PDB file of N, CA and C in Angstrom:
ATOM      1  N   UNK A   1       4.510  -7.231  32.505  1.00  0.00           N
ATOM      2  CA  UNK A   1       5.831  -7.743  32.143  1.00  0.00           C
ATOM      3  C   UNK A   1       6.381  -6.917  30.978  1.00  0.00           C
ATOM      4  N   UNK A   2       7.653  -6.582  31.039  1.00  0.00           N
ATOM      5  CA  UNK A   2       8.250  -5.773  29.984  1.00  0.00           C
ATOM      6  C   UNK A   2       8.577  -6.631  28.768  1.00  0.00           C
ATOM      7  N   UNK A   3       8.624  -5.956  27.640  1.00  0.00           N
ATOM      8  CA  UNK A   3       8.927  -6.643  26.388  1.00  0.00           C
ATOM      9  C   UNK A   3      10.399  -7.034  26.379  1.00  0.00           C
ATOM     10  N   UNK A   4      10.724  -8.247  25.919  1.00  0.00           N
ATOM     11  CA  UNK A   4      12.131  -8.659  25.868  1.00  0.00           C
ATOM     12  C   UNK A   4      12.913  -7.805  24.870  1.00  0.00           C
ATOM     13  N   UNK A   5      14.216  -7.825  25.021  1.00  0.00           N
ATOM     14  CA  UNK A   5      15.090  -7.068  24.117  1.00  0.00           C
ATOM     15  C   UNK A   5      15.377  -7.871  22.852  1.00  0.00           C
ATOM     16  N   UNK A   6      15.789  -7.172  21.839  1.00  0.00           N
ATOM     17  CA  UNK A   6      16.256  -7.819  20.620  1.00  0.00           C
ATOM     18  C   UNK A   6      17.737  -8.140  20.762  1.00  0.00           C
ATOM     19  N   UNK A   7      18.151  -9.251  20.166  1.00  0.00           N
ATOM     20  CA  UNK A   7      19.575  -9.574  20.110  1.00  0.00           C
ATOM     21  C   UNK A   7      20.207  -8.681  19.047  1.00  0.00           C
ATOM     22  N   UNK A   8      21.537  -8.565  19.017  1.00  0.00           N
ATOM     23  CA  UNK A   8      22.172  -7.768  17.963  1.00  0.00           C
ATOM     24  C   UNK A   8      21.791  -8.235  16.546  1.00  0.00           C
ATOM     25  N   UNK A   9      21.691  -9.530  16.336  1.00  0.00           N
ATOM     26  CA  UNK A   9      21.311 -10.038  15.009  1.00  0.00           C
ATOM     27  C   UNK A   9      19.873  -9.623  14.663  1.00  0.00           C
ATOM     28  N   UNK A  10      18.987  -9.698  15.660  1.00  0.00           N
ATOM     29  CA  UNK A  10      17.601  -9.290  15.434  1.00  0.00           C
ATOM     30  C   UNK A  10      17.515  -7.791  15.163  1.00  0.00           C
ATOM     31  N   UNK A  11      18.304  -7.002  15.893  1.00  0.00           N
ATOM     32  CA  UNK A  11      18.332  -5.560  15.641  1.00  0.00           C
ATOM     33  C   UNK A  11      18.781  -5.270  14.213  1.00  0.00           C
ATOM     34  N   UNK A  12      19.735  -6.049  13.725  1.00  0.00           N
ATOM     35  CA  UNK A  12      20.192  -5.868  12.340  1.00  0.00           C
ATOM     36  C   UNK A  12      19.064  -6.075  11.346  1.00  0.00           C
ATOM     37  N   UNK A  13      18.259  -7.109  11.552  1.00  0.00           N
ATOM     38  CA  UNK A  13      17.114  -7.364  10.675  1.00  0.00           C
ATOM     39  C   UNK A  13      16.096  -6.230  10.800  1.00  0.00           C
ATOM     40  N   UNK A  14      15.861  -5.778  12.042  1.00  0.00           N
ATOM     41  CA  UNK A  14      14.894  -4.696  12.264  1.00  0.00           C
ATOM     42  C   UNK A  14      15.311  -3.421  11.545  1.00  0.00           C
ATOM     43  N   UNK A  15      16.620  -3.146  11.498  1.00  0.00           N
ATOM     44  CA  UNK A  15      17.084  -1.937  10.806  1.00  0.00           C
ATOM     45  C   UNK A  15      16.588  -1.923   9.362  1.00  0.00           C
ATOM     46  N   UNK A  16      16.652  -3.070   8.713  1.00  0.00           N
ATOM     47  CA  UNK A  16      16.213  -3.150   7.318  1.00  0.00           C
ATOM     48  C   UNK A  16      14.695  -3.134   7.218  1.00  0.00           C
ATOM     49  N   UNK A  17      14.019  -3.760   8.152  1.00  0.00           N
ATOM     50  CA  UNK A  17      12.559  -3.752   8.123  1.00  0.00           C
ATOM     51  C   UNK A  17      12.025  -2.348   8.402  1.00  0.00           C
ATOM     52  N   UNK A  18      12.677  -1.602   9.273  1.00  0.00           N
ATOM     53  CA  UNK A  18      12.263  -0.214   9.492  1.00  0.00           C
ATOM     54  C   UNK A  18      12.409   0.596   8.212  1.00  0.00           C
ATOM     55  N   UNK A  19      13.472   0.362   7.459  1.00  0.00           N
ATOM     56  CA  UNK A  19      13.667   1.082   6.193  1.00  0.00           C
ATOM     57  C   UNK A  19      12.614   0.690   5.162  1.00  0.00           C
ATOM     58  N   UNK A  20      12.351  -0.603   5.064  1.00  0.00           N
ATOM     59  CA  UNK A  20      11.417  -1.101   4.048  1.00  0.00           C
ATOM     60  C   UNK A  20       9.946  -0.870   4.436  1.00  0.00           C
ATOM     61  N   UNK A  21       9.674  -0.794   5.699  1.00  0.00           N
ATOM     62  CA  UNK A  21       8.334  -0.635   6.289  1.00  0.00           C
ATOM     63  C   UNK A  21       7.487  -1.897   6.205  1.00  0.00           C
ATOM     64  N   UNK A  22       7.465  -2.540   5.083  1.00  0.00           N
ATOM     65  CA  UNK A  22       6.768  -3.823   4.880  1.00  0.00           C
ATOM     66  C   UNK A  22       7.601  -4.605   3.889  1.00  0.00           C
ATOM     67  N   UNK A  23       7.730  -5.903   4.131  1.00  0.00           N
ATOM     68  CA  UNK A  23       8.552  -6.690   3.208  1.00  0.00           C
ATOM     69  C   UNK A  23       8.211  -8.167   3.314  1.00  0.00           C
ATOM     70  N   UNK A  24       8.250  -8.811   2.163  1.00  0.00           N
ATOM     71  CA  UNK A  24       8.196 -10.268   2.116  1.00  0.00           C
ATOM     72  C   UNK A  24       9.611 -10.770   2.393  1.00  0.00           C
ATOM     73  N   UNK A  25       9.737 -12.023   2.728  1.00  0.00           N
ATOM     74  CA  UNK A  25      11.042 -12.614   3.040  1.00  0.00           C
ATOM     75  C   UNK A  25      12.041 -12.342   1.912  1.00  0.00           C
ATOM     76  N   UNK A  26      11.613 -12.530   0.667  1.00  0.00           N
ATOM     77  CA  UNK A  26      12.520 -12.328  -0.472  1.00  0.00           C
ATOM     78  C   UNK A  26      13.037 -10.888  -0.513  1.00  0.00           C
ATOM     79  N   UNK A  27      12.155  -9.920  -0.296  1.00  0.00           N
ATOM     80  CA  UNK A  27      12.565  -8.512  -0.314  1.00  0.00           C
ATOM     81  C   UNK A  27      13.523  -8.193   0.827  1.00  0.00           C
ATOM     82  N   UNK A  28      13.246  -8.768   1.975  1.00  0.00           N
ATOM     83  CA  UNK A  28      14.119  -8.540   3.126  1.00  0.00           C
ATOM     84  C   UNK A  28      15.497  -9.135   2.868  1.00  0.00           C
ATOM     85  N   UNK A  29      15.538 -10.351   2.360  1.00  0.00           N
ATOM     86  CA  UNK A  29      16.821 -10.986   2.041  1.00  0.00           C
ATOM     87  C   UNK A  29      17.607 -10.180   1.017  1.00  0.00           C
ATOM     88  N   UNK A  30      16.921  -9.660   0.008  1.00  0.00           N
ATOM     89  CA  UNK A  30      17.597  -8.873  -1.028  1.00  0.00           C
ATOM     90  C   UNK A  30      18.187  -7.582  -0.471  1.00  0.00           C
ATOM     91  N   UNK A  31      17.576  -7.028   0.571  1.00  0.00           N
ATOM     92  CA  UNK A  31      18.044  -5.760   1.129  1.00  0.00           C
ATOM     93  C   UNK A  31      19.255  -5.929   2.043  1.00  0.00           C
ATOM     94  N   UNK A  32      19.504  -7.141   2.520  1.00  0.00           N
ATOM     95  CA  UNK A  32      20.604  -7.378   3.452  1.00  0.00           C
ATOM     96  C   UNK A  32      21.947  -7.318   2.729  1.00  0.00           C
ATOM     97  N   UNK A  33      22.986  -6.856   3.431  1.00  0.00           N
ATOM     98  CA  UNK A  33      24.306  -6.734   2.790  1.00  0.00           C
ATOM     99  C   UNK A  33      24.981  -8.084   2.613  1.00  0.00           C
ATOM    100  N   UNK A  34      25.951  -8.108   1.735  1.00  0.00           N
ATOM    101  CA  UNK A  34      26.787  -9.294   1.536  1.00  0.00           C
ATOM    102  C   UNK A  34      27.774  -9.410   2.688  1.00  0.00           C
ATOM    103  N   UNK A  35      28.172 -10.559   3.108  1.00  0.00           N
ATOM    104  CA  UNK A  35      27.609 -11.847   2.710  1.00  0.00           C
ATOM    105  C   UNK A  35      26.235 -12.031   3.357  1.00  0.00           C
ATOM    106  N   UNK A  36      25.272 -12.393   2.543  1.00  0.00           N
ATOM    107  CA  UNK A  36      23.900 -12.539   3.013  1.00  0.00           C
ATOM    108  C   UNK A  36      23.774 -13.779   3.904  1.00  0.00           C
ATOM    109  N   UNK A  37      23.023 -13.633   4.994  1.00  0.00           N
ATOM    110  CA  UNK A  37      22.787 -14.814   5.829  1.00  0.00           C
ATOM    111  C   UNK A  37      21.881 -15.795   5.098  1.00  0.00           C
ATOM    112  N   UNK A  38      21.886 -17.019   5.539  1.00  0.00           N
ATOM    113  CA  UNK A  38      21.018 -18.036   4.940  1.00  0.00           C
ATOM    114  C   UNK A  38      19.556 -17.675   5.199  1.00  0.00           C
ATOM    115  N   UNK A  39      18.702 -18.056   4.266  1.00  0.00           N
ATOM    116  CA  UNK A  39      17.273 -17.792   4.409  1.00  0.00           C
ATOM    117  C   UNK A  39      16.738 -18.399   5.703  1.00  0.00           C
ATOM    118  N   UNK A  40      17.221 -19.585   6.054  1.00  0.00           N
ATOM    119  CA  UNK A  40      16.750 -20.245   7.276  1.00  0.00           C
ATOM    120  C   UNK A  40      17.145 -19.451   8.524  1.00  0.00           C
ATOM    121  N   UNK A  41      18.311 -18.820   8.485  1.00  0.00           N
ATOM    122  CA  UNK A  41      18.758 -17.993   9.608  1.00  0.00           C
ATOM    123  C   UNK A  41      17.842 -16.790   9.771  1.00  0.00           C
ATOM    124  N   UNK A  42      17.547 -16.114   8.664  1.00  0.00           N
ATOM    125  CA  UNK A  42      16.667 -14.945   8.704  1.00  0.00           C
ATOM    126  C   UNK A  42      15.265 -15.368   9.140  1.00  0.00           C
ATOM    127  N   UNK A  43      14.794 -16.504   8.632  1.00  0.00           N
ATOM    128  CA  UNK A  43      13.464 -16.999   9.012  1.00  0.00           C
ATOM    129  C   UNK A  43      13.395 -17.266  10.516  1.00  0.00           C
ATOM    130  N   UNK A  44      14.457 -17.821  11.080  1.00  0.00           N
ATOM    131  CA  UNK A  44      14.503 -18.092  12.518  1.00  0.00           C
ATOM    132  C   UNK A  44      14.481 -16.783  13.304  1.00  0.00           C
ATOM    133  N   UNK A  45      15.273 -15.803  12.871  1.00  0.00           N
ATOM    134  CA  UNK A  45      15.295 -14.502  13.551  1.00  0.00           C
ATOM    135  C   UNK A  45      13.928 -13.831  13.483  1.00  0.00           C
ATOM    136  N   UNK A  46      13.295 -13.885  12.320  1.00  0.00           N
ATOM    137  CA  UNK A  46      11.970 -13.280  12.168  1.00  0.00           C
ATOM    138  C   UNK A  46      10.953 -13.973  13.069  1.00  0.00           C
ATOM    139  N   UNK A  47      11.000 -15.293  13.113  1.00  0.00           N
ATOM    140  CA  UNK A  47      10.063 -16.025  13.970  1.00  0.00           C
ATOM    141  C   UNK A  47      10.233 -15.612  15.429  1.00  0.00           C
ATOM    142  N   UNK A  48      11.480 -15.454  15.865  1.00  0.00           N
ATOM    143  CA  UNK A  48      11.728 -15.006  17.240  1.00  0.00           C
ATOM    144  C   UNK A  48      11.178 -13.603  17.474  1.00  0.00           C
ATOM    145  N   UNK A  49      11.349 -12.716  16.484  1.00  0.00           N
ATOM    146  CA  UNK A  49      10.863 -11.341  16.633  1.00  0.00           C
ATOM    147  C   UNK A  49       9.336 -11.277  16.610  1.00  0.00           C
ATOM    148  N   UNK A  50       8.707 -12.173  15.858  1.00  0.00           N
ATOM    149  CA  UNK A  50       7.245 -12.280  15.889  1.00  0.00           C
ATOM    150  C   UNK A  50       6.813 -12.748  17.278  1.00  0.00           C
ATOM    151  N   UNK A  51       7.502 -13.765  17.813  1.00  0.00           N
ATOM    152  CA  UNK A  51       7.187 -14.276  19.152  1.00  0.00           C
ATOM    153  C   UNK A  51       7.382 -13.212  20.225  1.00  0.00           C
ATOM    154  N   UNK A  52       8.382 -12.345  20.045  1.00  0.00           N
ATOM    155  CA  UNK A  52       8.642 -11.261  20.999  1.00  0.00           C
ATOM    156  C   UNK A  52       7.722 -10.058  20.769  1.00  0.00           C
ATOM    157  N   UNK A  53       6.901 -10.120  19.719  1.00  0.00           N
ATOM    158  CA  UNK A  53       5.928  -9.080  19.377  1.00  0.00           C
ATOM    159  C   UNK A  53       6.560  -7.795  18.837  1.00  0.00           C
ATOM    160  N   UNK A  54       7.733  -7.904  18.222  1.00  0.00           N
ATOM    161  CA  UNK A  54       8.356  -6.764  17.561  1.00  0.00           C
ATOM    162  C   UNK A  54       7.940  -6.673  16.092  1.00  0.00           C
ATOM    163  N   UNK A  55       7.583  -7.805  15.509  1.00  0.00           N
ATOM    164  CA  UNK A  55       7.210  -7.887  14.094  1.00  0.00           C
ATOM    165  C   UNK A  55       5.841  -8.550  13.996  1.00  0.00           C
ATOM    166  N   UNK A  56       5.038  -8.024  13.081  1.00  0.00           N
ATOM    167  CA  UNK A  56       3.782  -8.664  12.744  1.00  0.00           C
ATOM    168  C   UNK A  56       3.820  -9.064  11.284  1.00  0.00           C
ATOM    169  N   UNK A  57       2.774  -9.722  10.817  1.00  0.00           N
ATOM    170  CA  UNK A  57       2.724 -10.087   9.402  1.00  0.00           C
ATOM    171  C   UNK A  57       1.271 -10.208   8.960  1.00  0.00           C
ATOM    172  N   UNK A  58       1.104 -10.041   7.661  1.00  0.00           N
ATOM    173  CA  UNK A  58      -0.180 -10.279   7.012  1.00  0.00           C
ATOM    174  C   UNK A  58       0.028 -11.386   5.994  1.00  0.00           C
ATOM    175  N   UNK A  59      -0.922 -12.293   5.929  1.00  0.00           N
ATOM    176  CA  UNK A  59      -0.859 -13.362   4.936  1.00  0.00           C
ATOM    177  C   UNK A  59      -1.427 -12.876   3.619  1.00  0.00           C
ATOM    178  N   UNK A  60      -0.694 -13.122   2.558  1.00  0.00           N
ATOM    179  CA  UNK A  60      -1.118 -12.847   1.189  1.00  0.00           C
ATOM    180  C   UNK A  60      -0.927 -14.153   0.434  1.00  0.00           C
ATOM    181  N   UNK A  61      -1.992 -14.924   0.330  1.00  0.00           N
ATOM    182  CA  UNK A  61      -1.865 -16.267  -0.222  1.00  0.00           C
ATOM    183  C   UNK A  61      -1.051 -17.103   0.739  1.00  0.00           C
ATOM    184  N   UNK A  62       0.044 -17.681   0.233  1.00  0.00           N
ATOM    185  CA  UNK A  62       0.933 -18.473   1.086  1.00  0.00           C
ATOM    186  C   UNK A  62       2.120 -17.663   1.604  1.00  0.00           C
ATOM    187  N   UNK A  63       2.162 -16.373   1.262  1.00  0.00           N
ATOM    188  CA  UNK A  63       3.307 -15.538   1.644  1.00  0.00           C
ATOM    189  C   UNK A  63       2.951 -14.617   2.804  1.00  0.00           C
ATOM    190  N   UNK A  64       3.947 -14.352   3.608  1.00  0.00           N
ATOM    191  CA  UNK A  64       3.788 -13.432   4.730  1.00  0.00           C
ATOM    192  C   UNK A  64       4.500 -12.125   4.417  1.00  0.00           C
ATOM    193  N   UNK A  65       3.778 -11.043   4.590  1.00  0.00           N
ATOM    194  CA  UNK A  65       4.380  -9.723   4.458  1.00  0.00           C
ATOM    195  C   UNK A  65       4.604  -9.201   5.879  1.00  0.00           C
ATOM    196  N   UNK A  66       5.867  -8.982   6.222  1.00  0.00           N
ATOM    197  CA  UNK A  66       6.249  -8.597   7.573  1.00  0.00           C
ATOM    198  C   UNK A  66       6.278  -7.082   7.717  1.00  0.00           C
ATOM    199  N   UNK A  67       6.006  -6.627   8.937  1.00  0.00           N
ATOM    200  CA  UNK A  67       6.064  -5.198   9.239  1.00  0.00           C
ATOM    201  C   UNK A  67       6.468  -5.027  10.709  1.00  0.00           C
ATOM    202  N   UNK A  68       7.159  -3.921  11.011  1.00  0.00           N
ATOM    203  CA  UNK A  68       7.538  -3.680  12.405  1.00  0.00           C
ATOM    204  C   UNK A  68       6.317  -3.281  13.224  1.00  0.00           C
ATOM    205  N   UNK A  69       6.244  -3.759  14.447  1.00  0.00           N
ATOM    206  CA  UNK A  69       5.156  -3.389  15.344  1.00  0.00           C
ATOM    207  C   UNK A  69       5.591  -2.310  16.336  1.00  0.00           C
ATOM    208  N   UNK A  70       6.850  -1.918  16.252  1.00  0.00           N
ATOM    209  CA  UNK A  70       7.378  -0.853  17.088  1.00  0.00           C
ATOM    210  C   UNK A  70       8.227   0.041  16.191  1.00  0.00           C
ATOM    211  N   UNK A  71       8.120   1.342  16.386  1.00  0.00           N
ATOM    212  CA  UNK A  71       8.915   2.264  15.575  1.00  0.00           C
ATOM    213  C   UNK A  71      10.367   2.247  16.048  1.00  0.00           C
ATOM    214  N   UNK A  72      11.226   2.651  15.159  1.00  0.00           N
ATOM    215  CA  UNK A  72      12.651   2.742  15.495  1.00  0.00           C
ATOM    216  C   UNK A  72      12.845   3.711  16.660  1.00  0.00           C
ATOM    217  N   UNK A  73      12.137   4.838  16.625  1.00  0.00           N
ATOM    218  CA  UNK A  73      12.264   5.846  17.668  1.00  0.00           C
ATOM    219  C   UNK A  73      11.813   5.300  19.023  1.00  0.00           C
ATOM    220  N   UNK A  74      10.686   4.603  19.031  1.00  0.00           N
ATOM    221  CA  UNK A  74      10.175   4.043  20.291  1.00  0.00           C
ATOM    222  C   UNK A  74      11.127   2.981  20.830  1.00  0.00           C
ATOM    223  N   UNK A  75      11.649   2.128  19.952  1.00  0.00           N
ATOM    224  CA  UNK A  75      12.552   1.070  20.394  1.00  0.00           C
ATOM    225  C   UNK A  75      13.832   1.646  20.990  1.00  0.00           C
ATOM    226  N   UNK A  76      14.478   2.556  20.256  1.00  0.00           N
ATOM    227  CA  UNK A  76      15.737   3.091  20.754  1.00  0.00           C
ATOM    228  C   UNK A  76      15.533   4.035  21.924  1.00  0.00           C
ATOM    229  N   UNK A  77      14.389   4.691  21.993  1.00  0.00           N
ATOM    230  CA  UNK A  77      14.070   5.490  23.177  1.00  0.00           C
ATOM    231  C   UNK A  77      14.016   4.615  24.410  1.00  0.00           C
ATOM    232  N   UNK A  78      13.373   3.463  24.280  1.00  0.00           N
ATOM    233  CA  UNK A  78      13.295   2.516  25.389  1.00  0.00           C
ATOM    234  C   UNK A  78      14.682   1.980  25.758  1.00  0.00           C
ATOM    235  N   UNK A  79      15.476   1.686  24.731  1.00  0.00           N
ATOM    236  CA  UNK A  79      16.841   1.185  24.983  1.00  0.00           C
ATOM    237  C   UNK A  79      17.678   2.229  25.718  1.00  0.00           C
ATOM    238  N   UNK A  80      17.559   3.494  25.302  1.00  0.00           N
ATOM    239  CA  UNK A  80      18.330   4.563  25.941  1.00  0.00           C
ATOM    240  C   UNK A  80      17.870   4.749  27.381  1.00  0.00           C
ATOM    241  N   UNK A  81      16.543   4.724  27.615  1.00  0.00           N
ATOM    242  CA  UNK A  81      16.053   4.840  28.999  1.00  0.00           C
ATOM    243  C   UNK A  81      16.593   3.704  29.862  1.00  0.00           C
ATOM    244  N   UNK A  82      16.643   2.498  29.306  1.00  0.00           N
ATOM    245  CA  UNK A  82      17.193   1.363  30.043  1.00  0.00           C
ATOM    246  C   UNK A  82      18.663   1.567  30.370  1.00  0.00           C
ATOM    247  N   UNK A  83      19.411   2.093  29.414  1.00  0.00           N
ATOM    248  CA  UNK A  83      20.835   2.352  29.626  1.00  0.00           C
ATOM    249  C   UNK A  83      21.024   3.446  30.677  1.00  0.00           C
ATOM    250  N   UNK A  84      20.217   4.494  30.620  1.00  0.00           N
ATOM    251  CA  UNK A  84      20.298   5.567  31.612  1.00  0.00           C
ATOM    252  C   UNK A  84      20.014   5.004  33.002  1.00  0.00           C
ATOM    253  N   UNK A  85      19.004   4.146  33.100  1.00  0.00           N
ATOM    254  CA  UNK A  85      18.686   3.534  34.392  1.00  0.00           C
ATOM    255  C   UNK A  85      19.811   2.624  34.872  1.00  0.00           C
ATOM    256  N   UNK A  86      20.352   1.807  33.971  1.00  0.00           N
ATOM    257  CA  UNK A  86      21.366   0.827  34.344  1.00  0.00           C
ATOM    258  C   UNK A  86      22.710   1.454  34.687  1.00  0.00           C
ATOM    259  N   UNK A  87      23.159   2.407  33.883  1.00  0.00           N
ATOM    260  CA  UNK A  87      24.510   2.925  34.038  1.00  0.00           C
ATOM    261  C   UNK A  87      24.602   4.282  34.736  1.00  0.00           C
ATOM    262  N   UNK A  88      23.484   5.015  34.782  1.00  0.00           N
ATOM    263  CA  UNK A  88      23.524   6.368  35.334  1.00  0.00           C
ATOM    264  C   UNK A  88      22.490   6.571  36.439  1.00  0.00           C
ATOM    265  N   UNK A  89      22.040   5.468  37.041  1.00  0.00           N
ATOM    266  CA  UNK A  89      21.104   5.548  38.151  1.00  0.00           C
ATOM    267  C   UNK A  89      19.817   6.271  37.823  1.00  0.00           C
ATOM    268  N   UNK A  90      19.432   6.247  36.549  1.00  0.00           N
ATOM    269  CA  UNK A  90      18.192   6.897  36.130  1.00  0.00           C
ATOM    270  C   UNK A  90      18.318   8.395  35.910  1.00  0.00           C
ATOM    271  N   UNK A  91      19.513   8.937  36.050  1.00  0.00           N
ATOM    272  CA  UNK A  91      19.716  10.380  35.915  1.00  0.00           C
ATOM    273  C   UNK A  91      20.028  10.763  34.467  1.00  0.00           C
ATOM    274  N   UNK A  92      19.078  11.442  33.840  1.00  0.00           N
ATOM    275  CA  UNK A  92      19.302  11.933  32.476  1.00  0.00           C
ATOM    276  C   UNK A  92      20.422  12.964  32.461  1.00  0.00           C
ATOM    277  N   UNK A  93      20.532  13.742  33.536  1.00  0.00           N
ATOM    278  CA  UNK A  93      21.591  14.740  33.632  1.00  0.00           C
ATOM    279  C   UNK A  93      22.966  14.070  33.619  1.00  0.00           C
ATOM    280  N   UNK A  94      23.121  12.994  34.412  1.00  0.00           N
ATOM    281  CA  UNK A  94      24.394  12.271  34.442  1.00  0.00           C
ATOM    282  C   UNK A  94      24.725  11.698  33.067  1.00  0.00           C
ATOM    283  N   UNK A  95      23.715  11.170  32.391  1.00  0.00           N
ATOM    284  CA  UNK A  95      23.912  10.629  31.048  1.00  0.00           C
ATOM    285  C   UNK A  95      24.351  11.726  30.084  1.00  0.00           C
ATOM    286  N   UNK A  96      23.655  12.872  30.109  1.00  0.00           N
ATOM    287  CA  UNK A  96      23.993  13.984  29.213  1.00  0.00           C
ATOM    288  C   UNK A  96      25.393  14.501  29.507  1.00  0.00           C
ATOM    289  N   UNK A  97      25.741  14.558  30.783  1.00  0.00           N
ATOM    290  CA  UNK A  97      27.065  15.011  31.176  1.00  0.00           C
ATOM    291  C   UNK A  97      28.137  14.062  30.645  1.00  0.00           C
ATOM    292  N   UNK A  98      27.894  12.764  30.793  1.00  0.00           N
ATOM    293  CA  UNK A  98      28.823  11.765  30.281  1.00  0.00           C
ATOM    294  C   UNK A  98      28.941  11.874  28.760  1.00  0.00           C
ATOM    295  N   UNK A  99      27.804  11.966  28.086  1.00  0.00           N
ATOM    296  CA  UNK A  99      27.795  12.023  26.627  1.00  0.00           C
ATOM    297  C   UNK A  99      28.567  13.231  26.118  1.00  0.00           C
ATOM    298  N   UNK A 100      28.279  14.401  26.666  1.00  0.00           N
ATOM    299  CA  UNK A 100      28.950  15.599  26.166  1.00  0.00           C
ATOM    300  C   UNK A 100      30.427  15.608  26.530  1.00  0.00           C
ATOM    301  N   UNK A 101      30.782  14.962  27.633  1.00  0.00           N
ATOM    302  CA  UNK A 101      32.195  14.909  28.028  1.00  0.00           C
ATOM    303  C   UNK A 101      32.996  13.870  27.281  1.00  0.00           C
ATOM    304  N   UNK A 102      32.355  12.772  26.889  1.00  0.00           N
ATOM    305  CA  UNK A 102      33.066  11.658  26.268  1.00  0.00           C
ATOM    306  C   UNK A 102      32.955  11.603  24.749  1.00  0.00           C
ATOM    307  N   UNK A 103      31.962  12.242  24.188  1.00  0.00           N
ATOM    308  CA  UNK A 103      31.699  12.102  22.759  1.00  0.00           C
ATOM    309  C   UNK A 103      32.604  12.960  21.885  1.00  0.00           C
ATOM    310  N   UNK A 104      33.372  13.851  22.496  1.00  0.00           N
ATOM    311  CA  UNK A 104      34.258  14.738  21.739  1.00  0.00           C
ATOM    312  C   UNK A 104      33.494  15.469  20.633  1.00  0.00           C
ATOM    313  N   UNK A 105      32.405  16.120  21.040  1.00  0.00           N
ATOM    314  CA  UNK A 105      31.579  16.841  20.085  1.00  0.00           C
ATOM    315  C   UNK A 105      32.300  18.092  19.610  1.00  0.00           C
ATOM    316  N   UNK A 106      32.099  18.439  18.346  1.00  0.00           N
ATOM    317  CA  UNK A 106      32.684  19.652  17.794  1.00  0.00           C
ATOM    318  C   UNK A 106      31.916  20.866  18.333  1.00  0.00           C
ATOM    319  N   UNK A 107      32.478  22.031  18.144  1.00  0.00           N
ATOM    320  CA  UNK A 107      31.806  23.267  18.569  1.00  0.00           C
ATOM    321  C   UNK A 107      30.432  23.379  17.903  1.00  0.00           C
ATOM    322  N   UNK A 108      30.377  23.053  16.621  1.00  0.00           N
ATOM    323  CA  UNK A 108      29.106  23.135  15.896  1.00  0.00           C
ATOM    324  C   UNK A 108      28.080  22.158  16.469  1.00  0.00           C
ATOM    325  N   UNK A 109      28.520  20.949  16.801  1.00  0.00           N
ATOM    326  CA  UNK A 109      27.607  19.960  17.376  1.00  0.00           C
ATOM    327  C   UNK A 109      27.122  20.399  18.755  1.00  0.00           C
ATOM    328  N   UNK A 110      28.016  20.964  19.554  1.00  0.00           N
ATOM    329  CA  UNK A 110      27.620  21.461  20.875  1.00  0.00           C
ATOM    330  C   UNK A 110      26.619  22.613  20.739  1.00  0.00           C
ATOM    331  N   UNK A 111      26.846  23.496  19.770  1.00  0.00           N
ATOM    332  CA  UNK A 111      25.911  24.605  19.558  1.00  0.00           C
ATOM    333  C   UNK A 111      24.549  24.092  19.096  1.00  0.00           C
ATOM    334  N   UNK A 112      24.546  23.079  18.259  1.00  0.00           N
ATOM    335  CA  UNK A 112      23.280  22.486  17.821  1.00  0.00           C
ATOM    336  C   UNK A 112      22.575  21.820  19.001  1.00  0.00           C
ATOM    337  N   UNK A 113      23.316  21.139  19.831  1.00  0.00           N
ATOM    338  CA  UNK A 113      22.753  20.525  21.035  1.00  0.00           C
ATOM    339  C   UNK A 113      22.172  21.607  21.951  1.00  0.00           C
ATOM    340  N   UNK A 114      22.884  22.709  22.069  1.00  0.00           N
ATOM    341  CA  UNK A 114      22.401  23.825  22.885  1.00  0.00           C
ATOM    342  C   UNK A 114      21.083  24.368  22.319  1.00  0.00           C
ATOM    343  N   UNK A 115      20.978  24.483  20.996  1.00  0.00           N
ATOM    344  CA  UNK A 115      19.726  24.949  20.373  1.00  0.00           C
ATOM    345  C   UNK A 115      18.588  23.966  20.640  1.00  0.00           C
ATOM    346  N   UNK A 116      18.896  22.681  20.545  1.00  0.00           N
ATOM    347  CA  UNK A 116      17.864  21.669  20.801  1.00  0.00           C
ATOM    348  C   UNK A 116      17.368  21.757  22.240  1.00  0.00           C
ATOM    349  N   UNK A 117      18.290  21.933  23.166  1.00  0.00           N
ATOM    350  CA  UNK A 117      17.906  22.055  24.577  1.00  0.00           C
ATOM    351  C   UNK A 117      17.074  23.312  24.785  1.00  0.00           C
ATOM    352  N   UNK A 118      17.480  24.410  24.178  1.00  0.00           N
ATOM    353  CA  UNK A 118      16.724  25.655  24.308  1.00  0.00           C
ATOM    354  C   UNK A 118      15.307  25.479  23.745  1.00  0.00           C
ATOM    355  N   UNK A 119      15.167  24.782  22.631  1.00  0.00           N
ATOM    356  CA  UNK A 119      13.833  24.518  22.064  1.00  0.00           C
ATOM    357  C   UNK A 119      12.982  23.721  23.044  1.00  0.00           C
ATOM    358  N   UNK A 120      13.582  22.729  23.693  1.00  0.00           N
ATOM    359  CA  UNK A 120      12.851  21.922  24.675  1.00  0.00           C
ATOM    360  C   UNK A 120      12.430  22.770  25.877  1.00  0.00           C
ATOM    361  N   UNK A 121      13.305  23.688  26.301  1.00  0.00           N
ATOM    362  CA  UNK A 121      12.967  24.582  27.415  1.00  0.00           C
ATOM    363  C   UNK A 121      11.763  25.451  27.032  1.00  0.00           C
ATOM    364  N   UNK A 122      11.789  25.975  25.810  1.00  0.00           N
ATOM    365  CA  UNK A 122      10.672  26.820  25.350  1.00  0.00           C
ATOM    366  C   UNK A 122       9.369  26.045  25.284  1.00  0.00           C
ATOM    367  N   UNK A 123       9.426  24.802  24.818  1.00  0.00           N
ATOM    368  CA  UNK A 123       8.223  23.969  24.735  1.00  0.00           C
ATOM    369  C   UNK A 123       7.667  23.629  26.113  1.00  0.00           C
ATOM    370  N   UNK A 124       8.560  23.521  27.104  1.00  0.00           N
ATOM    371  CA  UNK A 124       8.146  23.157  28.459  1.00  0.00           C
ATOM    372  C   UNK A 124       7.482  24.316  29.204  1.00  0.00           C
ATOM    373  N   UNK A 125       7.622  25.532  28.696  1.00  0.00           N
ATOM    374  CA  UNK A 125       7.046  26.707  29.377  1.00  0.00           C
ATOM    375  C   UNK A 125       5.538  26.734  29.252  1.00  0.00           C
TER     376      UNK A 125
END
């Protein structure tokens, strides 16, 4: 069975946990932007993410120190693969074609993308 997705609110919390790497509830709350959500709201989101196996924790006395169980790169890689499958029939080429055609990339960005692709071609040899 595949791992469930994060909701947008959960992704927001994960963004801060990825930055902090490990955090107690107080540290996580302090890192969130204004207006800060209620502690109970964040606690509920964290509990859901623990249940979904995206976040783990270690007990230190009565306090829990939370940490991500999936890297940002792995999570968004999975999300992008899902989007490619859903919207582009699994074709990475179709996705890349759409992205380069719709993103209005500058000449410099296109040249950098070209260098990245060339590096991947060299690695594949």
